[in-house]
Amino acid sequence: MHHTRKIGKIDRMPLKSLHIRNAAESDLPTIIAMLADDALGSRREDASIPLDPAYLRAFQAIESDANQQLVVAEQDDAIVGTLQLSFLPGLSYKGAWRGQIEAVRIAKSLRGEGLGAQFITWAVDRCRARGCHLVQLTSNSVRLDAHRFYERLGFAKSHAGFKLTLDGDQA
């Protein structure tokens, strides 16, 4: 099935559909490898097998929380993307919910083919279906290509983000 979707201000050409599903424990090696496959991720992730047990504990915590969703995108039965979607309740905006998109990755060999836009469109649609008032995401300040990508999809740089690392890892 092919889709033409509009997100933000961009019309997308028909794409080969992604199959998006909840991640399974067996997907963890592929997901962690994708997270580690760039300059920032290679400093903070460890994709060696066997995986660090902390990854399984994190997966189990995500899987057991109804407001968290770790997903993979497949094409031709291969995982080509991943992201985590969180649904956050809040008092601001009259008690509105927010969708938070994190850890977005598309396989390096497939970037620039429109899969990322299709994947983000899916996530935004999921947030809309959950009644979220807005969708937010963060992107490291050095990921300028990612910033341009999100801006093309209609996301605005509206806030300055701050983080305090508690475990000594500054990546």
Protein backbone atom coordinates (compact mmCIF):
# COMPACT_ATOMS: atom_id res chain seq x y z
CA MET A 1 0.00 0.00 0.00
CA HIS A 2 1.31 3.48 -0.83
CA HIS A 3 0.51 6.65 1.04
CA THR A 4 0.68 10.32 0.21
CA ARG A 5 0.58 12.17 3.52
CA LYS A 6 0.88 15.78 4.49
CA ILE A 7 2.62 16.65 7.72
CA GLY A 8 3.55 20.17 8.60
CA LYS A 9 4.14 22.01 5.35
CA ILE A 10 5.48 19.11 3.27
CA ASP A 11 3.61 16.96 0.80
CA ARG A 12 5.22 13.54 0.67
CA MET A 13 5.42 11.47 -2.46
CA PRO A 14 3.94 7.97 -2.36
CA LEU A 15 6.15 5.73 -0.26
CA LYS A 16 6.38 2.04 0.25
CA SER A 17 4.52 1.63 3.52
CA LEU A 18 6.27 0.94 6.74
CA HIS A 19 4.85 -1.71 8.99
CA ILE A 20 4.98 -0.24 12.49
CA ARG A 21 4.61 -2.52 15.48
CA ASN A 22 5.43 -2.68 19.16
CA ALA A 23 9.00 -3.74 19.71
CA ALA A 24 9.64 -7.23 21.03
CA GLU A 25 12.44 -8.29 23.34
CA SER A 26 14.04 -10.10 20.39
CA ASP A 27 14.32 -6.73 18.58
CA LEU A 28 16.58 -5.24 21.26
CA PRO A 29 19.93 -6.06 19.58
CA THR A 30 18.79 -4.32 16.37
CA ILE A 31 17.34 -1.34 18.24
CA ILE A 32 20.46 -0.84 20.34
CA ALA A 33 22.66 -1.17 17.25
CA MET A 34 20.61 1.58 15.58
CA LEU A 35 20.90 3.82 18.65
CA ALA A 36 24.68 3.27 18.68
CA ASP A 37 25.13 3.94 14.96
CA ASP A 38 26.19 7.59 15.07
CA ALA A 39 28.81 9.78 16.74
CA LEU A 40 26.71 10.54 19.83
CA GLY A 41 25.16 7.11 20.25
CA SER A 42 28.47 5.31 19.89
CA ARG A 43 29.68 7.10 23.05
CA ARG A 44 26.69 6.16 25.20
CA GLU A 45 25.38 2.82 23.89
CA ASP A 46 26.90 -0.65 23.93
CA ALA A 47 25.56 -2.87 21.16
CA SER A 48 27.86 -5.79 21.98
CA ILE A 49 26.23 -9.19 22.42
CA PRO A 50 25.16 -10.26 24.94
CA LEU A 51 23.45 -6.95 25.60
CA ASP A 52 23.91 -5.26 28.92
CA PRO A 53 21.05 -6.46 31.19
CA ALA A 54 20.10 -2.80 31.77
CA TYR A 55 18.61 -2.73 28.27
CA LEU A 56 16.26 -5.61 29.09
CA ARG A 57 15.22 -3.96 32.37
CA ALA A 58 14.47 -0.73 30.51
CA PHE A 59 12.51 -2.61 27.85
CA GLN A 60 10.44 -4.37 30.52
CA ALA A 61 9.69 -1.04 32.25
CA ILE A 62 8.58 0.52 28.95
CA GLU A 63 6.48 -2.50 28.02
CA SER A 64 4.69 -2.53 31.39
CA ASP A 65 3.74 1.18 31.27
CA ALA A 66 0.52 1.98 29.36
CA ASN A 67 1.84 5.50 28.65
CA GLN A 68 5.01 4.26 26.95
CA GLN A 69 5.37 2.66 23.55
CA LEU A 70 8.61 1.43 22.00
CA VAL A 71 8.04 0.68 18.34
CA VAL A 72 9.94 -0.53 15.33
CA ALA A 73 9.31 0.21 11.68
CA GLU A 74 9.75 -2.64 9.25
CA GLN A 75 10.11 -2.73 5.52
CA ASP A 76 10.45 -6.01 3.63
CA ASP A 77 10.53 -7.84 7.00
CA ALA A 78 13.62 -5.92 8.17
CA ILE A 79 13.68 -3.39 11.00
CA VAL A 80 14.50 -0.02 9.45
CA GLY A 81 13.52 2.35 12.27
CA THR A 82 12.69 2.75 15.92
CA LEU A 83 11.28 5.35 18.26
CA GLN A 84 9.85 5.65 21.73
CA LEU A 85 6.54 7.41 22.24
CA SER A 86 5.52 8.62 25.69
CA PHE A 87 2.19 10.05 26.71
CA LEU A 88 2.57 12.64 29.46
CA PRO A 89 -0.27 14.01 31.58
CA GLY A 90 0.05 17.57 32.82
CA LEU A 91 -1.78 20.45 34.38
CA SER A 92 -0.62 23.02 31.83
CA TYR A 93 -2.95 23.77 28.92
CA LYS A 94 -5.92 22.98 31.14
CA GLY A 95 -4.82 19.47 31.97
CA ALA A 96 -3.73 18.53 28.46
CA TRP A 97 -1.75 15.45 27.54
CA ARG A 98 1.49 15.70 25.54
CA GLY A 99 3.07 13.21 23.25
CA GLN A 100 6.84 12.92 23.59
CA ILE A 101 8.83 11.37 20.74
CA GLU A 102 12.32 10.15 21.63
CA ALA A 103 15.16 7.99 20.33
CA VAL A 104 14.12 8.27 16.68
CA ARG A 105 16.32 6.33 14.31
CA ILE A 106 16.08 5.32 10.69
CA ALA A 107 18.68 2.92 9.32
CA LYS A 108 21.60 4.98 8.06
CA SER A 109 21.46 3.40 4.59
CA LEU A 110 17.81 4.46 4.14
CA ARG A 111 17.92 8.05 5.35
CA GLY A 112 16.70 10.67 2.90
CA GLU A 113 14.07 8.37 1.34
CA GLY A 114 11.07 9.75 3.24
CA LEU A 115 10.80 6.93 5.77
CA GLY A 116 11.51 9.26 8.70
CA ALA A 117 8.65 11.56 7.68
CA GLN A 118 6.32 8.58 7.37
CA PHE A 119 7.41 7.33 10.81
CA ILE A 120 6.98 10.72 12.49
CA THR A 121 3.57 11.11 10.82
CA TRP A 122 2.56 7.80 12.36
CA ALA A 123 3.72 8.98 15.80
CA VAL A 124 1.89 12.32 15.48
CA ASP A 125 -1.28 10.49 14.41
CA ARG A 126 -0.94 8.18 17.42
CA CYS A 127 -0.65 11.21 19.72
CA ARG A 128 -3.70 12.77 18.12
CA ALA A 129 -5.64 9.53 18.63
CA ARG A 130 -4.68 9.55 22.32
CA GLY A 131 -6.08 13.09 22.68
CA CYS A 132 -2.76 14.87 23.08
CA HIS A 133 -2.80 18.66 22.85
CA LEU A 134 0.73 18.80 21.45
CA VAL A 135 3.64 16.65 20.39
CA GLN A 136 7.15 17.46 21.51
CA LEU A 137 10.59 16.02 20.97
CA THR A 138 14.16 16.81 21.77
CA SER A 139 17.17 16.61 19.52
CA ASN A 140 20.76 17.08 20.58
CA SER A 141 22.01 20.57 19.73
CA VAL A 142 24.70 19.16 17.40
CA ARG A 143 22.21 17.21 15.25
CA LEU A 144 21.63 20.03 12.77
CA ASP A 145 20.37 17.73 9.99
CA ALA A 146 17.76 16.35 12.39
CA HIS A 147 16.73 19.90 13.35
CA ARG A 148 16.15 20.80 9.70
CA PHE A 149 14.19 17.56 9.22
CA TYR A 150 11.85 18.27 12.17
CA GLU A 151 11.36 21.89 11.10
CA ARG A 152 10.39 20.73 7.59
CA LEU A 153 7.73 18.57 9.26
CA GLY A 154 6.27 21.60 11.04
CA PHE A 155 7.95 21.32 14.44
CA ALA A 156 9.11 24.65 15.87
CA LYS A 157 12.15 25.35 18.02
CA SER A 158 10.05 26.85 20.77
CA HIS A 159 12.02 26.13 23.94
CA ALA A 160 15.60 25.81 25.14
CA GLY A 161 16.22 22.42 26.66
CA PHE A 162 18.33 21.68 29.70
CA LYS A 163 19.54 18.35 31.06
CA LEU A 164 21.37 17.37 34.20
CA THR A 165 23.18 14.06 33.84
CA LEU A 166 23.20 12.17 37.12
CA ASP A 167 25.37 9.16 36.31
CA GLY A 168 28.50 10.86 34.97
CA ASP A 169 27.80 10.13 31.27
CA GLN A 170 27.73 13.47 29.49
CA ALA A 171 26.88 12.23 25.94
